[in-house]
Amino acid sequence: MRGSNDRRNGATMCLAVSLFPGEAPFEVPMSARPDFSLLARFVQKAEAAGLDMVLLADSAPGGGASNRQVPFEATTLLAALATVTNKIGLVAAASTVAHQPYNLARRFASLDVISHGRAGWNATMAQDPREAANFSRPEGFSRDDFRRHAEEFIGIVQGLWRGWDPDALLFDQHGGRFFDPEKMHLLDHKGEFFSVRGPLNVARSPQDAPVLVLSGLSEPDMDIGARVADVILLDEPSVAGAKADDVKRRAVAFGRGPGAIKVLMNVAPGADMAARPDVIADRLEESFRSKSCDGFNMLMPPVLSVLDDFVDRVLPELRRRGLVHPDYRNATLRSHLGLAGEERQ
């Protein structure tokens, strides 16, 4: 692929890494398996390398990962990591079954303020029926019910995030006005699964709203993703052959701009990173230039040596080819990803 014509008009890849705290290889001794200090060093290494974001996996009790250790609840881990990092985006997984939309919207809005606009929510459209039994749904959901439930939940969260105009809060002590009532919007949602009045009691974030990442999409979910997501994660090969330009055509049909959504492909680089980094760079470049995706989410265990192989061997090759931006763009996660609605000046 070296020397090929750049079909992306100078665009650069978005790069993320998924962090699975409970998945250190068995050959790693227990004393070296992830505690918070090791996870912090992993994320700091990713930040020093200029990666756009880290996705923090989670598993609610009774979920599909119940047979593996997940030592930290993801949003709690995000809050802690926000205090030891400055630039990298931090995206936490949180279930639409294990939470109520108002509380989750408030939590992520708070995390976005704490992190100065670097927070995101990874919502999955894939149901684990064992999870629902711990949250008053022993019978689980049918596939269609789960889709409608998740879509309504996500819509409420995004509506609550938009409940305050950017300049709604006045903090006018002399005039006795905390906010401008004309710039506060009640959600007043009454739907199939939820009833939520709103608004949130958290100010609008530096990036307007936390970044919404959707994963686990099947073909019937693709229109939902194109309508509401900021980032979509697709496995390789992608759902029904979907590519970034296909998803963006759907987004435009819903009245969104082509720059309003990014599609990242999940990839597991494997052992080739140490032996043949140019082979991995070739594969990533080919997918990126063919418009299959806007970038990649690297699936790897929380082991510094594995991240080191990517950062020290593959990333320099991508930079040499002009495929990765040299540094962070401004301050927020939205600006890192080149999404519409970047932080206000």
Protein backbone atom coordinates (compact mmCIF):
# COMPACT_ATOMS: atom_id res chain seq x y z
CA MET A 1 0.00 0.00 0.00
CA ARG A 2 2.95 2.34 0.27
CA GLY A 3 2.89 5.06 -2.32
CA SER A 4 -0.78 4.49 -3.15
CA ASN A 5 -3.01 7.45 -3.92
CA ASP A 6 -4.59 8.88 -0.79
CA ARG A 7 -8.34 8.47 -1.21
CA ARG A 8 -8.96 10.07 2.17
CA ASN A 9 -7.84 13.59 1.14
CA GLY A 10 -5.34 13.93 3.91
CA ALA A 11 -7.57 12.47 6.64
CA THR A 12 -5.89 10.57 9.44
CA MET A 13 -6.95 7.45 11.32
CA CYS A 14 -8.76 7.53 14.62
CA LEU A 15 -7.05 5.11 17.01
CA ALA A 16 -8.50 3.60 20.17
CA VAL A 17 -7.55 0.75 22.44
CA SER A 18 -10.00 -1.43 24.38
CA LEU A 19 -8.95 -2.18 27.93
CA PHE A 20 -10.24 -5.41 29.45
CA PRO A 21 -9.02 -5.23 33.05
CA GLY A 22 -9.73 -8.88 33.84
CA GLU A 23 -8.08 -10.43 30.81
CA ALA A 24 -4.37 -10.55 31.56
CA PRO A 25 -2.88 -13.69 30.01
CA PHE A 26 -2.56 -16.66 32.32
CA GLU A 27 1.20 -16.66 31.92
CA VAL A 28 1.31 -13.25 33.64
CA PRO A 29 1.84 -13.87 37.40
CA MET A 30 -0.97 -12.85 39.73
CA SER A 31 1.29 -10.24 41.34
CA ALA A 32 1.59 -8.49 37.97
CA ARG A 33 -2.09 -8.68 36.99
CA PRO A 34 -3.88 -5.36 36.75
CA ASP A 35 -4.49 -3.29 39.82
CA PHE A 36 -5.31 0.40 39.43
CA SER A 37 -1.67 1.52 39.27
CA LEU A 38 -0.97 -0.86 36.38
CA LEU A 39 -4.11 0.21 34.53
CA ALA A 40 -3.15 3.86 35.06
CA ARG A 41 0.30 3.21 33.59
CA PHE A 42 -1.29 1.47 30.60
CA VAL A 43 -3.60 4.44 29.89
CA GLN A 44 -0.80 6.96 30.46
CA LYS A 45 1.32 5.04 27.92
CA ALA A 46 -1.57 5.22 25.43
CA GLU A 47 -1.86 8.96 26.10
CA ALA A 48 1.87 9.52 25.61
CA ALA A 49 1.55 7.74 22.26
CA GLY A 50 -1.25 10.10 21.20
CA LEU A 51 -4.05 7.51 20.91
CA ASP A 52 -7.47 9.12 20.72
CA MET A 53 -9.27 7.13 23.39
CA VAL A 54 -9.31 4.13 25.68
CA LEU A 55 -12.48 2.05 25.95
CA LEU A 56 -13.05 0.57 29.40
CA ALA A 57 -14.89 -2.75 29.33
CA ASP A 58 -17.28 -3.81 32.04
CA SER A 59 -19.48 -6.70 33.04
CA ALA A 60 -22.43 -6.38 35.35
CA PRO A 61 -22.99 -9.23 37.81
CA GLY A 62 -24.46 -12.18 35.99
CA GLY A 63 -23.35 -10.89 32.59
CA GLY A 64 -21.46 -12.74 29.90
CA ALA A 65 -18.12 -12.12 31.55
CA SER A 66 -19.20 -13.55 34.90
CA ASN A 67 -16.56 -16.26 34.59
CA ARG A 68 -13.73 -13.72 34.45
CA GLN A 69 -12.60 -11.11 36.87
CA VAL A 70 -13.54 -7.52 36.10
CA PRO A 71 -11.97 -5.75 39.06
CA PHE A 72 -13.43 -2.25 38.55
CA GLU A 73 -16.81 -0.87 37.57
CA ALA A 74 -16.10 1.02 34.37
CA THR A 75 -17.48 4.49 35.19
CA THR A 76 -15.71 4.45 38.55
CA LEU A 77 -12.50 3.50 36.77
CA LEU A 78 -13.05 6.34 34.27
CA ALA A 79 -13.31 8.87 37.11
CA ALA A 80 -10.06 7.64 38.63
CA LEU A 81 -8.21 7.60 35.30
CA ALA A 82 -9.39 11.15 34.57
CA THR A 83 -7.33 12.33 37.52
CA VAL A 84 -4.07 10.80 36.23
CA THR A 85 -4.43 11.77 32.55
CA ASN A 86 -4.87 15.07 30.72
CA LYS A 87 -5.69 14.51 27.05
CA ILE A 88 -6.75 11.00 26.10
CA GLY A 89 -10.46 10.23 25.74
CA LEU A 90 -11.96 7.85 28.30
CA VAL A 91 -15.01 5.79 27.27
CA ALA A 92 -16.77 3.51 29.76
CA ALA A 93 -19.14 0.66 28.97
CA ALA A 94 -22.46 0.79 30.81
CA SER A 95 -25.46 -1.45 30.28
CA THR A 96 -28.94 -0.23 29.38
CA VAL A 97 -30.31 -3.08 31.50
CA ALA A 98 -28.28 -2.49 34.67
CA HIS A 99 -29.01 1.25 34.96
CA GLN A 100 -31.80 3.80 34.81
CA PRO A 101 -31.39 6.41 32.05
CA TYR A 102 -31.60 9.48 34.31
CA ASN A 103 -28.91 8.26 36.71
CA LEU A 104 -26.66 7.13 33.87
CA ALA A 105 -27.06 10.42 32.00
CA ARG A 106 -26.19 12.33 35.19
CA ARG A 107 -23.17 10.11 35.87
CA PHE A 108 -21.68 10.57 32.41
CA ALA A 109 -22.46 14.30 32.38
CA SER A 110 -20.56 14.58 35.67
CA LEU A 111 -17.67 12.49 34.33
CA ASP A 112 -17.48 14.74 31.29
CA VAL A 113 -17.15 17.83 33.49
CA ILE A 114 -14.58 16.11 35.73
CA SER A 115 -12.48 15.06 32.72
CA HIS A 116 -12.83 18.46 30.98
CA GLY A 117 -14.73 17.01 28.03
CA ARG A 118 -12.95 13.68 27.57
CA ALA A 119 -15.71 11.23 28.56
CA GLY A 120 -17.77 8.86 26.47
CA TRP A 121 -20.38 6.13 26.94
CA ASN A 122 -20.10 2.77 25.18
CA ALA A 123 -23.61 1.33 24.88
CA THR A 124 -23.99 -2.14 23.42
CA MET A 125 -26.92 -3.34 21.33
CA ALA A 126 -26.08 -6.98 22.17
CA GLN A 127 -28.10 -8.47 25.01
CA ASP A 128 -26.79 -10.92 27.56
CA PRO A 129 -29.89 -12.61 29.02
CA ARG A 130 -28.04 -13.62 32.21
CA GLU A 131 -27.55 -9.96 33.10
CA ALA A 132 -31.27 -9.12 33.15
CA ALA A 133 -31.99 -11.65 35.90
CA ASN A 134 -30.11 -9.47 38.41
CA PHE A 135 -32.10 -6.37 37.50
CA SER A 136 -35.72 -7.38 37.98
CA ARG A 137 -36.06 -8.96 34.54
CA PRO A 138 -35.63 -12.72 35.16
CA GLU A 139 -37.27 -13.48 31.83
CA GLY A 140 -34.91 -11.15 29.94
CA PHE A 141 -36.02 -9.41 26.75
CA SER A 142 -36.95 -10.64 23.34
CA ARG A 143 -34.54 -9.39 20.68
CA ASP A 144 -37.05 -6.81 19.42
CA ASP A 145 -37.96 -5.69 22.95
CA PHE A 146 -34.29 -5.28 23.86
CA ARG A 147 -33.70 -3.18 20.74
CA ARG A 148 -36.66 -0.90 21.51
CA HIS A 149 -35.66 -0.71 25.19
CA ALA A 150 -32.05 0.22 24.34
CA GLU A 151 -33.11 2.74 21.68
CA GLU A 152 -35.50 4.47 24.08
CA PHE A 153 -32.89 4.45 26.85
CA ILE A 154 -30.23 6.01 24.60
CA GLY A 155 -32.67 8.63 23.34
CA ILE A 156 -33.52 9.67 26.90
CA VAL A 157 -29.86 9.97 27.88
CA GLN A 158 -29.04 12.10 24.85
CA GLY A 159 -32.13 14.23 25.42
CA LEU A 160 -31.11 14.88 29.02
CA TRP A 161 -27.59 15.82 27.92
CA ARG A 162 -29.16 18.47 25.66
CA GLY A 163 -31.44 19.81 28.39
CA TRP A 164 -29.37 22.95 29.02
CA ASP A 165 -28.36 25.43 26.34
CA PRO A 166 -24.63 26.26 26.43
CA ASP A 167 -25.22 29.62 28.11
CA ALA A 168 -28.18 28.65 30.30
CA LEU A 169 -26.40 28.84 33.66
CA LEU A 170 -26.01 32.44 34.84
CA PHE A 171 -24.71 32.15 38.43
CA ASP A 172 -26.07 35.67 38.98
CA GLN A 173 -25.89 36.11 42.75
CA HIS A 174 -26.89 39.77 42.76
CA GLY A 175 -29.92 39.17 40.57
CA GLY A 176 -30.78 35.91 42.29
CA ARG A 177 -30.82 33.99 39.03
CA PHE A 178 -29.05 30.65 38.81
CA PHE A 179 -30.18 29.95 35.23
CA ASP A 180 -32.21 31.38 32.38
CA PRO A 181 -35.53 29.46 32.34
CA GLU A 182 -35.84 30.00 28.59
CA LYS A 183 -32.65 28.01 28.06
CA MET A 184 -33.60 25.03 30.21
CA HIS A 185 -35.62 22.32 28.45
CA LEU A 186 -37.70 19.65 30.16
CA LEU A 187 -37.48 16.28 28.49
CA ASP A 188 -40.95 15.20 29.65
CA HIS A 189 -40.51 11.75 28.13
CA LYS A 190 -43.29 9.15 28.39
CA GLY A 191 -42.46 6.04 26.43
CA GLU A 192 -42.91 2.30 26.27
CA PHE A 193 -40.35 1.50 28.96
CA PHE A 194 -39.51 4.77 30.74
CA SER A 195 -41.03 7.97 32.04
CA VAL A 196 -38.48 10.76 32.63
CA ARG A 197 -39.24 14.43 33.23
CA GLY A 198 -35.75 15.99 33.42
CA PRO A 199 -33.73 18.13 33.33
CA LEU A 200 -30.35 17.04 34.67
CA ASN A 201 -28.80 19.05 37.49
CA VAL A 202 -25.40 18.97 35.77
CA ALA A 203 -24.18 21.73 33.49
CA ARG A 204 -23.62 21.14 29.79
CA SER A 205 -20.16 19.74 29.17
CA PRO A 206 -17.11 21.35 27.52
CA GLN A 207 -17.74 19.18 24.44
CA ASP A 208 -21.55 19.79 24.52
CA ALA A 209 -22.26 16.12 25.35
CA PRO A 210 -20.28 13.00 26.14
CA VAL A 211 -19.38 10.93 23.09
CA LEU A 212 -21.80 8.06 22.40
CA VAL A 213 -20.10 4.88 21.19
CA LEU A 214 -22.33 2.03 19.97
CA SER A 215 -21.14 -1.57 19.71
CA GLY A 216 -22.64 -5.02 19.25
CA LEU A 217 -24.79 -3.88 16.31
CA SER A 218 -26.62 -6.35 14.09
CA GLU A 219 -28.04 -5.39 10.70
CA PRO A 220 -31.40 -4.19 12.15
CA ASP A 221 -29.46 -1.91 14.53
CA MET A 222 -27.48 -0.11 11.84
CA ASP A 223 -30.09 2.59 11.26
CA ILE A 224 -30.20 3.27 15.03
CA GLY A 225 -26.44 3.67 15.03
CA ALA A 226 -26.47 5.94 12.00
CA ARG A 227 -29.14 8.12 13.60
CA VAL A 228 -27.75 8.57 17.13
CA ALA A 229 -24.13 7.37 17.49
CA ASP A 230 -21.00 9.49 17.45
CA VAL A 231 -18.82 6.40 17.01
CA ILE A 232 -19.75 2.90 15.83
CA LEU A 233 -17.52 -0.09 16.55
CA LEU A 234 -17.68 -2.88 13.97
CA ASP A 235 -16.03 -6.25 14.02
CA GLU A 236 -13.89 -7.46 11.14
CA PRO A 237 -15.52 -8.50 8.84
CA SER A 238 -18.14 -5.85 9.56
CA VAL A 239 -21.88 -6.30 9.98
CA ALA A 240 -23.43 -7.25 6.65
CA GLY A 241 -20.41 -5.76 4.87
CA ALA A 242 -21.10 -2.30 6.29
CA LYS A 243 -18.35 0.24 5.74
CA ALA A 244 -17.80 3.77 6.95
CA ASP A 245 -19.21 5.36 3.81
CA ASP A 246 -22.31 3.10 3.98
CA VAL A 247 -22.99 4.15 7.57
CA LYS A 248 -22.47 7.81 6.70
CA ARG A 249 -24.94 7.59 3.81
CA ARG A 250 -27.50 6.32 6.29
CA ALA A 251 -26.60 9.16 8.69
CA VAL A 252 -27.11 11.77 5.95
CA ALA A 253 -30.53 10.23 5.22
CA PHE A 254 -31.43 11.00 8.86
CA GLY A 255 -30.41 14.64 8.43
CA ARG A 256 -26.95 14.36 9.97
CA GLY A 257 -23.76 15.68 8.41
CA PRO A 258 -21.16 13.25 7.05
CA GLY A 259 -18.72 14.41 9.74
CA ALA A 260 -21.10 13.59 12.58
CA ILE A 261 -20.12 9.94 12.93
CA LYS A 262 -16.95 7.83 12.93
CA VAL A 263 -16.73 4.09 12.23
CA LEU A 264 -13.93 2.17 13.91
CA MET A 265 -13.05 -1.44 13.14
CA ASN A 266 -12.19 -3.77 16.00
CA VAL A 267 -8.87 -5.48 15.32
CA ALA A 268 -6.63 -7.78 17.35
CA PRO A 269 -3.07 -7.16 16.09
CA GLY A 270 -1.65 -10.33 17.65
CA ALA A 271 1.94 -11.51 17.72
CA ASP A 272 2.79 -9.95 14.34
CA MET A 273 3.39 -6.62 16.08
CA ALA A 274 6.81 -7.79 17.30
CA ALA A 275 7.79 -9.73 14.13
CA ARG A 276 6.25 -7.88 11.14
CA PRO A 277 4.87 -4.44 12.10
CA ASP A 278 4.89 -3.44 8.43
CA VAL A 279 2.38 -6.21 7.69
CA ILE A 280 -0.01 -4.85 10.30
CA ALA A 281 0.48 -1.31 9.00
CA ASP A 282 -0.28 -2.53 5.46
CA ARG A 283 -3.51 -4.18 6.60
CA LEU A 284 -4.67 -1.12 8.53
CA GLU A 285 -3.78 1.22 5.69
CA GLU A 286 -5.66 -0.88 3.14
CA SER A 287 -8.86 -0.88 5.21
CA PHE A 288 -8.58 2.84 5.93
CA ARG A 289 -7.90 3.92 2.35
CA SER A 290 -10.71 1.73 0.99
CA LYS A 291 -13.12 3.66 3.23
CA SER A 292 -14.02 0.53 5.17
CA CYS A 293 -13.53 2.51 8.38
CA ASP A 294 -12.33 5.79 9.87
CA GLY A 295 -9.87 4.09 12.16
CA PHE A 296 -9.34 1.18 14.49
CA ASN A 297 -10.05 -0.04 17.99
CA MET A 298 -7.18 -2.27 19.08
CA LEU A 299 -8.29 -5.23 21.21
CA MET A 300 -5.54 -6.15 23.61
CA PRO A 301 -5.05 -7.28 27.22
CA PRO A 302 -3.94 -4.68 29.79
CA VAL A 303 -0.29 -5.71 29.55
CA LEU A 304 2.24 -2.94 28.97
CA SER A 305 4.49 -5.10 26.80
CA VAL A 306 1.63 -5.70 24.35
CA LEU A 307 0.83 -2.00 24.13
CA ASP A 308 4.56 -1.27 23.82
CA ASP A 309 4.76 -3.47 20.73
CA PHE A 310 2.01 -1.45 19.03
CA VAL A 311 3.26 1.96 20.18
CA ASP A 312 6.95 1.34 19.51
CA ARG A 313 6.72 -0.73 16.32
CA VAL A 314 3.43 -0.29 14.44
CA LEU A 315 2.57 3.32 15.31
CA PRO A 316 5.85 4.79 13.98
CA GLU A 317 5.23 3.03 10.67
CA LEU A 318 1.71 4.50 10.47
CA ARG A 319 3.11 7.94 11.28
CA ARG A 320 5.81 7.57 8.63
CA ARG A 321 3.04 6.99 6.08
CA GLY A 322 1.14 10.08 7.23
CA LEU A 323 -1.83 8.04 8.46
CA VAL A 324 -1.87 9.19 12.09
CA HIS A 325 -2.12 12.76 13.36
CA PRO A 326 1.02 13.91 15.16
CA ASP A 327 -0.62 15.18 18.35
CA TYR A 328 -3.94 15.76 20.08
CA ARG A 329 -6.32 18.18 18.42
CA ASN A 330 -7.42 20.67 21.09
CA ALA A 331 -8.71 19.30 24.39
CA THR A 332 -11.90 17.23 24.11
CA LEU A 333 -12.62 13.73 22.91
CA ARG A 334 -14.87 15.10 20.17
CA SER A 335 -12.01 17.21 18.85
CA HIS A 336 -9.62 14.23 18.99
CA LEU A 337 -12.00 12.29 16.78
CA GLY A 338 -12.78 15.18 14.44
CA LEU A 339 -16.49 15.00 15.26
CA ALA A 340 -19.00 17.76 14.68
CA GLY A 341 -19.89 19.78 17.76
CA GLU A 342 -16.39 20.33 19.13
CA GLU A 343 -15.82 22.32 22.26
CA ARG A 344 -16.98 25.89 22.46
CA GLN A 345 -14.37 28.60 22.33
